[in-house]
């Protein structure tokens, strides 16, 4: 079978599954799967660039996705003016003091000769900078978190389009690339320290750093409201209530025989799908061009044999840093898009199973090293994840219908139905690794 035919069949299968969900169940669910599938495809593309193109084993995907979600909040939410008045300036001053202390430490380390004098100066700078930072910063944070803690208690964002931010509807879209930039900045800092490590140590380091990022989001209430969550994020698409109040929209829905409520929910989801599809197509085109460029061939040469690439004069660590930043930026972009679609930032929801393991399954099943395969794998695995969770309990009830109603085995099987997702994902991964270890669409 030719590569083109295999790709067409794979894309047709994904489309058929989503359309079948709409025809045989409901279109709202089908469009929800489509939207999250498009975002998952973007995440899978970011990981595929790191692993499929450069061989970097990043297990900290969750952290970069969470940073993208934070950027979405910072760009789309209106500022909490009371919090800024109470302690915003003091908090920013504290952060500036901390940054100056770090810059001073780096300058002393680079410019002074190694010895006791340098060690003493760095120790003194560290102690002085730490206490100066905490003295200023902690007071500002306490003042911010004391402002209407039930509904605010944080600084908010930079969307000055009215009290709700709805006037500047384009700010959430602007937050998506900013999420990529924030994740790229974190990837640069991580890569400068971790990319010199062996692959297994790199995996441990990225996983640990991702957990640190999530811990910061959970505990720094002044920044992200922590476990209280940020809700009511503005949208870049119309609100259902606004569409239902529009006589022209209601009349158009009536012409198609659809009630306004259903029509409004479908319209909003289709609008999101259009936006996500545009970003996915652009990223996919750029990834394909990078793959077939001299730079992409060099990255694959480094992946296959680092020693030989270094012997040819290639700076392996620098190239690894480049691809690590690019892949992480794409994951951050996807995280910002997901937070906008959810309409809220929930730091506790960022779990390694969903935002690391599942994304890796998408890449492995689709085809590591194949951008189109990774994108389609993202959509296929997300459909399977939702379908098993949606239909698994009903399937288990049907499968145990022959057992007596009071049977302990029947009750146990029905109670364990929500865990079928993990069983199915593990089974799919094992089958792919056994019968098609290079994925459904292997790298050429």
Protein backbone atom coordinates (compact mmCIF):
# COMPACT_ATOMS: atom_id res chain seq x y z
CA UNK A 1 0.00 0.00 0.00
CA UNK A 2 1.35 3.42 -0.96
CA UNK A 3 1.95 6.11 1.66
CA UNK A 4 -0.65 8.38 0.08
CA UNK A 5 -3.34 5.70 0.16
CA UNK A 6 -2.49 4.77 3.75
CA UNK A 7 -2.72 8.44 4.77
CA UNK A 8 -6.05 8.84 2.99
CA UNK A 9 -7.49 5.75 4.68
CA UNK A 10 -6.29 6.93 8.10
CA UNK A 11 -7.79 10.41 7.60
CA UNK A 12 -11.00 8.83 6.29
CA UNK A 13 -11.25 6.61 9.37
CA UNK A 14 -10.89 9.59 11.72
CA UNK A 15 -13.50 11.57 9.77
CA UNK A 16 -15.85 8.60 9.70
CA UNK A 17 -15.62 8.10 13.46
CA UNK A 18 -16.41 11.75 14.20
CA UNK A 19 -19.24 11.90 11.65
CA UNK A 20 -20.61 8.60 12.94
CA UNK A 21 -20.72 10.02 16.45
CA UNK A 22 -22.80 12.90 15.13
CA UNK A 23 -25.19 10.76 13.11
CA UNK A 24 -25.71 7.96 15.63
CA UNK A 25 -25.44 9.90 18.90
CA UNK A 26 -25.52 13.73 18.77
CA UNK A 27 -23.68 16.48 16.94
CA UNK A 28 -22.78 18.41 20.06
CA UNK A 29 -20.69 15.49 21.28
CA UNK A 30 -19.15 15.03 17.82
CA UNK A 31 -18.09 18.69 17.69
CA UNK A 32 -16.69 18.54 21.23
CA UNK A 33 -14.57 15.56 20.17
CA UNK A 34 -13.52 17.43 17.02
CA UNK A 35 -12.43 20.55 18.94
CA UNK A 36 -10.42 18.70 21.57
CA UNK A 37 -9.11 16.39 18.88
CA UNK A 38 -7.73 19.35 16.91
CA UNK A 39 -6.03 20.67 20.05
CA UNK A 40 -4.66 17.19 20.81
CA UNK A 41 -3.31 17.00 17.27
CA UNK A 42 -1.39 20.24 17.86
CA UNK A 43 0.07 18.83 21.11
CA UNK A 44 1.07 15.64 19.29
CA UNK A 45 2.80 17.71 16.60
CA UNK A 46 4.87 19.50 19.24
CA UNK A 47 5.95 16.22 20.84
CA UNK A 48 6.60 14.66 17.44
CA UNK A 49 9.02 17.44 16.56
CA UNK A 50 10.96 16.81 19.77
CA UNK A 51 10.96 13.03 19.67
CA UNK A 52 10.37 12.09 16.03
CA UNK A 53 12.73 14.70 14.60
CA UNK A 54 15.38 15.02 17.32
CA UNK A 55 14.97 12.04 19.65
CA UNK A 56 14.35 14.16 22.78
CA UNK A 57 12.37 12.29 25.43
CA UNK A 58 10.30 15.06 27.03
CA UNK A 59 8.05 13.81 29.85
CA UNK A 60 7.17 17.32 31.01
CA UNK A 61 4.53 18.11 28.39
CA UNK A 62 2.01 18.78 31.14
CA UNK A 63 4.03 21.74 32.45
CA UNK A 64 4.22 23.49 29.08
CA UNK A 65 0.50 22.95 28.46
CA UNK A 66 -0.23 24.48 31.87
CA UNK A 67 1.93 27.52 31.10
CA UNK A 68 -0.09 28.02 27.93
CA UNK A 69 -3.27 27.91 30.00
CA UNK A 70 -1.84 30.53 32.36
CA UNK A 71 -0.99 32.80 29.41
CA UNK A 72 -4.58 32.49 28.20
CA UNK A 73 -5.78 33.80 31.57
CA UNK A 74 -3.24 36.63 31.65
CA UNK A 75 -4.24 37.85 28.19
CA UNK A 76 -7.99 37.23 28.13
CA UNK A 77 -9.19 38.12 31.65
CA UNK A 78 -9.83 41.75 32.67
CA UNK A 79 -7.59 43.15 35.43
CA UNK A 80 -8.84 43.15 39.04
CA UNK A 81 -8.34 46.84 39.74
CA UNK A 82 -8.81 46.51 43.50
CA UNK A 83 -6.04 43.90 43.65
CA UNK A 84 -3.69 46.08 41.60
CA UNK A 85 -4.38 49.01 43.92
CA UNK A 86 -3.86 46.89 47.04
CA UNK A 87 -0.56 45.21 46.17
CA UNK A 88 0.07 44.99 42.45
CA UNK A 89 2.92 47.49 42.39
CA UNK A 90 4.60 45.97 45.45
CA UNK A 91 4.39 42.48 43.98
CA UNK A 92 5.95 43.60 40.69
CA UNK A 93 8.68 45.42 42.61
CA UNK A 94 9.43 42.24 44.54
CA UNK A 95 9.70 40.25 41.31
CA UNK A 96 12.01 42.93 39.89
CA UNK A 97 14.25 42.70 42.97
CA UNK A 98 14.42 38.93 42.57
CA UNK A 99 15.32 39.26 38.89
CA UNK A 100 18.05 41.82 39.66
CA UNK A 101 19.49 39.50 42.31
CA UNK A 102 19.66 36.62 39.83
CA UNK A 103 21.31 38.80 37.17
CA UNK A 104 23.84 40.03 39.75
CA UNK A 105 24.65 36.44 40.75
CA UNK A 106 25.23 35.43 37.14
CA UNK A 107 27.45 38.47 36.53
CA UNK A 108 29.56 37.76 39.62
CA UNK A 109 29.89 34.10 38.67
CA UNK A 110 31.10 34.95 35.17
CA UNK A 111 33.39 37.91 35.93
CA UNK A 112 35.09 36.97 39.18
CA UNK A 113 37.75 34.34 39.42
CA UNK A 114 36.96 31.06 41.07
CA UNK A 115 37.85 31.08 44.74
CA UNK A 116 36.72 31.94 48.23
CA UNK A 117 36.14 35.58 47.39
CA UNK A 118 33.66 34.75 44.64
CA UNK A 119 31.92 32.20 46.84
CA UNK A 120 31.61 34.71 49.68
CA UNK A 121 30.26 37.47 47.40
CA UNK A 122 27.70 35.09 45.81
CA UNK A 123 26.57 33.85 49.22
CA UNK A 124 26.13 37.42 50.47
CA UNK A 125 24.21 38.41 47.33
CA UNK A 126 21.99 35.36 47.64
CA UNK A 127 21.07 36.04 51.26
CA UNK A 128 20.54 39.77 50.73
CA UNK A 129 18.54 39.24 47.53
CA UNK A 130 16.37 36.55 49.09
CA UNK A 131 15.39 38.60 52.13
CA UNK A 132 14.86 41.77 50.07
CA UNK A 133 12.69 39.85 47.62
CA UNK A 134 10.56 38.16 50.28
CA UNK A 135 10.14 41.31 52.35
CA UNK A 136 8.66 43.25 49.44
CA UNK A 137 6.95 40.40 47.56
CA UNK A 138 5.15 38.69 50.46
CA UNK A 139 3.46 41.87 51.60
CA UNK A 140 2.11 42.54 48.12
CA UNK A 141 0.84 38.97 47.74
CA UNK A 142 -0.98 39.07 51.07
CA UNK A 143 -2.68 42.34 50.11
CA UNK A 144 -3.77 40.94 46.73
CA UNK A 145 -5.14 37.66 48.06
CA UNK A 146 -7.13 39.52 50.74
CA UNK A 147 -9.19 41.38 48.12
CA UNK A 148 -12.53 39.59 47.80
CA UNK A 149 -10.93 36.16 48.03
CA UNK A 150 -14.16 34.34 47.17
CA UNK A 151 -14.34 35.71 43.62
CA UNK A 152 -11.05 37.51 43.02
CA UNK A 153 -7.90 37.46 45.16
CA UNK A 154 -5.62 37.68 42.14
CA UNK A 155 -4.37 40.33 39.71
CA UNK A 156 -6.43 39.23 36.72
CA UNK A 157 -5.22 39.74 33.18
CA UNK A 158 -4.50 42.42 30.59
CA UNK A 159 -7.83 42.51 28.77
CA UNK A 160 -9.05 46.10 29.20
CA UNK A 161 -12.10 45.57 27.00
CA UNK A 162 -14.67 46.36 29.67
CA UNK A 163 -15.44 44.74 33.01
CA UNK A 164 -15.96 41.32 31.41
CA UNK A 165 -13.35 41.66 28.66
CA UNK A 166 -15.93 40.88 25.98
CA UNK A 167 -15.34 44.12 24.07
CA UNK A 168 -11.83 42.97 23.17
CA UNK A 169 -12.92 39.57 21.85
CA UNK A 170 -9.63 39.13 20.00
CA UNK A 171 -7.53 39.09 23.19
CA UNK A 172 -8.12 35.35 23.82
CA UNK A 173 -6.78 34.59 20.33
CA UNK A 174 -3.76 36.79 21.04
CA UNK A 175 -3.25 34.77 24.21
CA UNK A 176 -2.65 31.58 22.20
CA UNK A 177 0.69 32.58 20.63
CA UNK A 178 1.63 34.30 23.90
CA UNK A 179 1.08 30.93 25.57
CA UNK A 180 3.52 29.48 23.08
CA UNK A 181 6.05 32.21 23.89
CA UNK A 182 5.70 31.64 27.64
CA UNK A 183 6.25 27.89 27.19
CA UNK A 184 9.19 28.62 24.87
CA UNK A 185 10.81 30.82 27.54
CA UNK A 186 10.44 28.08 30.13
CA UNK A 187 11.80 25.53 27.63
CA UNK A 188 14.87 27.71 27.06
CA UNK A 189 15.57 27.88 30.79
CA UNK A 190 15.03 24.13 31.18
CA UNK A 191 16.99 23.25 28.06
CA UNK A 192 20.03 25.28 29.07
CA UNK A 193 20.40 23.11 32.16
CA UNK A 194 18.86 19.75 31.21
CA UNK A 195 19.69 19.11 27.55
CA UNK A 196 23.25 18.14 28.38
CA UNK A 197 21.88 15.15 30.30
CA UNK A 198 21.43 11.65 28.96
CA UNK A 199 17.97 10.81 27.60
CA UNK A 200 16.72 9.04 30.74
CA UNK A 201 17.94 11.86 32.99
CA UNK A 202 16.33 14.39 30.65
CA UNK A 203 13.00 12.59 31.05
CA UNK A 204 13.26 12.68 34.86
CA UNK A 205 14.30 16.35 34.83
CA UNK A 206 11.43 17.46 32.56
CA UNK A 207 8.90 15.49 34.61
CA UNK A 208 10.13 17.08 37.83
CA UNK A 209 10.08 20.59 36.37
CA UNK A 210 6.53 20.04 35.07
CA UNK A 211 5.42 19.09 38.58
CA UNK A 212 7.07 22.25 39.94
CA UNK A 213 5.16 24.37 37.40
CA UNK A 214 1.85 22.77 38.43
CA UNK A 215 2.70 23.27 42.12
CA UNK A 216 3.33 26.98 41.48
CA UNK A 217 -0.01 27.35 39.68
CA UNK A 218 -1.80 25.59 42.54
CA UNK A 219 -0.24 27.67 45.31
CA UNK A 220 0.36 31.16 43.87
CA UNK A 221 -3.19 32.47 44.27
CA UNK A 222 -2.20 36.02 43.33
CA UNK A 223 -1.29 34.76 39.87
CA UNK A 224 -3.79 32.02 39.00
CA UNK A 225 -6.19 31.79 42.00
CA UNK A 226 -4.66 28.39 42.75
CA UNK A 227 -7.15 25.61 43.46
CA UNK A 228 -10.01 28.15 43.50
CA UNK A 229 -9.73 28.25 39.70
CA UNK A 230 -10.23 31.10 37.25
CA UNK A 231 -13.65 30.89 35.60
CA UNK A 232 -15.59 32.88 33.04
CA UNK A 233 -12.78 33.45 30.53
CA UNK A 234 -13.90 35.65 27.60
CA UNK A 235 -14.41 33.96 24.26
CA UNK A 236 -13.22 34.78 20.76
CA UNK A 237 -16.54 33.44 19.41
CA UNK A 238 -20.15 34.52 20.07
CA UNK A 239 -21.99 33.49 23.22
CA UNK A 240 -24.96 31.15 22.91
CA UNK A 241 -27.24 33.58 24.74
CA UNK A 242 -26.34 36.39 22.35
CA UNK A 243 -27.16 34.20 19.35
CA UNK A 244 -30.45 33.11 20.87
CA UNK A 245 -31.39 36.78 21.40
CA UNK A 246 -30.65 37.63 17.75
CA UNK A 247 -33.90 37.53 15.70
CA UNK A 248 -32.02 36.89 12.45
CA UNK A 249 -30.24 33.88 13.93
CA UNK A 250 -33.48 32.49 15.39
CA UNK A 251 -35.19 32.89 12.00
CA UNK A 252 -32.31 31.16 10.19
CA UNK A 253 -32.40 28.26 12.69
CA UNK A 254 -36.16 27.91 12.17
CA UNK A 255 -35.67 27.64 8.41
CA UNK A 256 -33.44 24.59 8.95
CA UNK A 257 -35.86 23.12 11.49
CA UNK A 258 -33.44 23.45 14.43
CA UNK A 259 -34.39 24.97 17.75
CA UNK A 260 -32.38 28.12 18.61
CA UNK A 261 -30.68 26.56 21.66
CA UNK A 262 -29.27 23.62 19.71
CA UNK A 263 -28.38 25.84 16.77
CA UNK A 264 -26.48 28.26 19.01
CA UNK A 265 -24.41 25.52 20.68
CA UNK A 266 -23.55 23.96 17.31
CA UNK A 267 -22.62 27.35 15.84
CA UNK A 268 -20.26 28.17 18.71
CA UNK A 269 -18.54 24.78 18.49
CA UNK A 270 -18.18 25.09 14.71
CA UNK A 271 -16.63 28.53 15.14
CA UNK A 272 -14.09 27.11 17.58
CA UNK A 273 -13.38 24.23 15.20
CA UNK A 274 -12.67 26.68 12.38
CA UNK A 275 -10.19 28.65 14.50
CA UNK A 276 -8.43 25.52 15.77
CA UNK A 277 -8.28 24.01 12.27
CA UNK A 278 -6.58 27.14 10.90
CA UNK A 279 -3.87 26.98 13.58
CA UNK A 280 -3.41 23.24 13.06
CA UNK A 281 -3.06 23.56 9.29
CA UNK A 282 -0.54 26.40 9.60
CA UNK A 283 1.56 24.50 12.15
CA UNK A 284 1.36 21.31 10.08
CA UNK A 285 2.52 23.11 6.92
CA UNK A 286 5.43 24.71 8.78
CA UNK A 287 6.35 21.38 10.39
CA UNK A 288 6.35 19.65 7.00
CA UNK A 289 8.53 22.35 5.49
CA UNK A 290 10.93 22.07 8.43
CA UNK A 291 11.00 18.28 8.10
CA UNK A 292 12.05 18.39 4.44
CA UNK A 293 14.45 21.34 4.79
CA UNK A 294 18.24 21.05 5.26
CA UNK A 295 17.65 21.91 8.92
CA UNK A 296 15.22 18.99 9.26
CA UNK A 297 17.64 16.58 7.59
CA UNK A 298 20.37 17.77 9.95
CA UNK A 299 18.09 17.18 12.96
CA UNK A 300 17.36 13.63 11.82
CA UNK A 301 21.08 13.03 11.31
CA UNK A 302 21.72 14.18 14.88
CA UNK A 303 18.91 11.94 16.11
CA UNK A 304 20.30 8.88 14.35
CA UNK A 305 23.95 9.38 15.30
CA UNK A 306 25.03 12.26 17.52
CA UNK A 307 28.71 11.28 17.43
CA UNK A 308 28.83 11.33 13.64
CA UNK A 309 26.95 14.65 13.53
CA UNK A 310 29.39 16.21 16.00
CA UNK A 311 32.28 14.90 13.91
CA UNK A 312 30.78 16.81 10.95
CA UNK A 313 30.90 20.03 12.97
CA UNK A 314 27.27 20.21 14.11
CA UNK A 315 26.52 21.81 17.49
CA UNK A 316 24.27 19.05 18.84
CA UNK A 317 23.35 20.74 22.14
CA UNK A 318 22.38 23.98 20.38
CA UNK A 319 20.21 22.16 17.84
CA UNK A 320 18.55 20.14 20.58
CA UNK A 321 17.76 23.38 22.40
CA UNK A 322 16.18 24.81 19.23
CA UNK A 323 13.85 21.87 18.67
CA UNK A 324 13.05 21.59 22.38
CA UNK A 325 11.93 25.23 22.43
CA UNK A 326 9.88 24.88 19.23
CA UNK A 327 8.09 21.73 20.37
CA UNK A 328 7.38 23.16 23.82
CA UNK A 329 6.03 26.38 22.27
CA UNK A 330 3.55 24.35 20.21
CA UNK A 331 2.41 22.50 23.36
CA UNK A 332 2.00 25.86 25.13
CA UNK A 333 -0.07 27.14 22.21
CA UNK A 334 -2.33 24.09 22.47
CA UNK A 335 -2.65 24.57 26.23
CA UNK A 336 -3.79 28.17 25.77
CA UNK A 337 -6.37 27.08 23.18
CA UNK A 338 -7.70 24.38 25.50
CA UNK A 339 -8.10 26.80 28.40
CA UNK A 340 -10.02 29.21 26.17
CA UNK A 341 -12.28 26.38 24.99
CA UNK A 342 -12.87 25.21 28.58
CA UNK A 343 -13.60 28.77 29.70
CA UNK A 344 -11.63 28.24 32.91
CA UNK A 345 -8.16 27.50 34.30
CA UNK A 346 -8.13 24.55 36.70
CA UNK A 347 -4.56 23.85 37.85
CA UNK A 348 -5.59 20.63 39.63
CA UNK A 349 -6.78 19.14 36.31
CA UNK A 350 -3.27 19.02 34.83
CA UNK A 351 -2.39 15.37 35.33
CA UNK A 352 0.48 13.44 33.69
CA UNK A 353 -1.92 10.76 32.46
CA UNK A 354 -3.92 13.20 30.32
CA UNK A 355 -1.28 15.73 29.30
CA UNK A 356 1.82 13.54 28.98
CA UNK A 357 1.09 9.83 28.67
CA UNK A 358 -1.94 10.23 26.40
CA UNK A 359 -0.07 12.63 24.10
CA UNK A 360 2.77 10.13 23.81
CA UNK A 361 0.25 7.42 22.89
CA UNK A 362 -1.06 9.72 20.15
CA UNK A 363 2.42 10.14 18.67
CA UNK A 364 3.32 6.45 18.91
CA UNK A 365 0.04 5.26 17.40
CA UNK A 366 0.01 7.88 14.63
CA UNK A 367 3.64 7.39 13.67
CA UNK A 368 6.70 8.90 15.31
CA UNK A 369 8.60 11.09 12.86
CA UNK A 370 5.55 11.56 10.61
CA UNK A 371 3.82 14.90 11.22
CA UNK A 372 0.57 13.95 9.50
CA UNK A 373 0.54 10.63 11.34
CA UNK A 374 1.04 12.34 14.70
CA UNK A 375 -1.79 14.81 14.01
CA UNK A 376 -4.20 12.07 12.92
CA UNK A 377 -3.08 9.91 15.83
CA UNK A 378 -3.99 12.76 18.17
CA UNK A 379 -7.51 12.93 16.79
CA UNK A 380 -7.97 9.14 16.71
CA UNK A 381 -6.79 8.55 20.29
CA UNK A 382 -8.87 11.46 21.60
CA UNK A 383 -11.98 10.03 19.91
CA UNK A 384 -11.22 6.65 21.48
CA UNK A 385 -10.63 8.24 24.91
CA UNK A 386 -14.01 10.02 24.82
CA UNK A 387 -15.88 7.11 23.23
CA UNK A 388 -14.75 4.61 25.84
CA UNK A 389 -15.69 7.00 28.64
CA UNK A 390 -19.06 7.76 27.01
CA UNK A 391 -20.12 4.31 25.89
CA UNK A 392 -18.06 2.05 28.18
CA UNK A 393 -20.55 1.94 31.09
CA UNK A 394 -23.47 1.15 28.74
CA UNK A 395 -21.40 -1.56 27.06
CA UNK A 396 -20.54 -3.08 30.44
CA UNK A 397 -24.21 -3.09 31.48
CA UNK A 398 -25.08 -4.88 28.23
CA UNK A 399 -22.24 -7.37 28.61
CA UNK A 400 -23.33 -8.28 32.15
CA UNK A 401 -27.05 -8.40 31.40
CA UNK A 402 -27.03 -12.21 31.61
CA UNK A 403 -25.82 -12.11 35.21
CA UNK A 404 -28.24 -11.95 38.12
CA UNK A 405 -29.14 -8.46 39.32
CA UNK A 406 -27.71 -9.20 42.78
CA UNK A 407 -24.48 -10.66 41.42
CA UNK A 408 -21.34 -9.25 43.09
CA UNK A 409 -19.39 -9.82 39.87
CA UNK A 410 -21.89 -7.76 37.88
CA UNK A 411 -21.77 -4.89 40.36
CA UNK A 412 -17.97 -4.98 40.39
CA UNK A 413 -17.72 -4.93 36.58
CA UNK A 414 -20.20 -2.05 36.25
CA UNK A 415 -18.40 -0.06 38.96
CA UNK A 416 -15.08 -0.57 37.17
CA UNK A 417 -16.44 0.55 33.78
CA UNK A 418 -14.99 4.11 34.07
CA UNK A 419 -11.53 2.51 34.29
CA UNK A 420 -11.98 0.90 30.86
CA UNK A 421 -10.25 3.95 29.36
CA UNK A 422 -6.93 2.93 30.86
CA UNK A 423 -7.36 -0.69 29.82
CA UNK A 424 -8.22 0.28 26.25
CA UNK A 425 -5.35 2.79 25.94
CA UNK A 426 -2.86 0.23 27.23
CA UNK A 427 -4.23 -2.43 24.90
CA UNK A 428 -4.08 -0.15 21.86
CA UNK A 429 -0.50 0.84 22.69
CA UNK A 430 0.56 -2.80 23.08
CA UNK A 431 -1.10 -3.81 19.81
CA UNK A 432 0.56 -0.97 17.90
CA UNK A 433 3.98 -1.74 19.39
CA UNK A 434 3.54 -5.44 18.53
CA UNK A 435 2.16 -5.26 14.99
CA UNK A 436 3.18 -1.78 13.78
CA UNK A 437 5.98 -0.48 16.02
CA UNK A 438 6.57 2.53 13.76
CA UNK A 439 2.93 3.60 13.99
CA UNK A 440 0.02 3.62 11.56
CA UNK A 441 1.82 6.10 9.28
CA UNK A 442 5.53 5.29 9.64
CA UNK A 443 8.27 7.82 8.96
CA UNK A 444 9.64 7.53 5.45
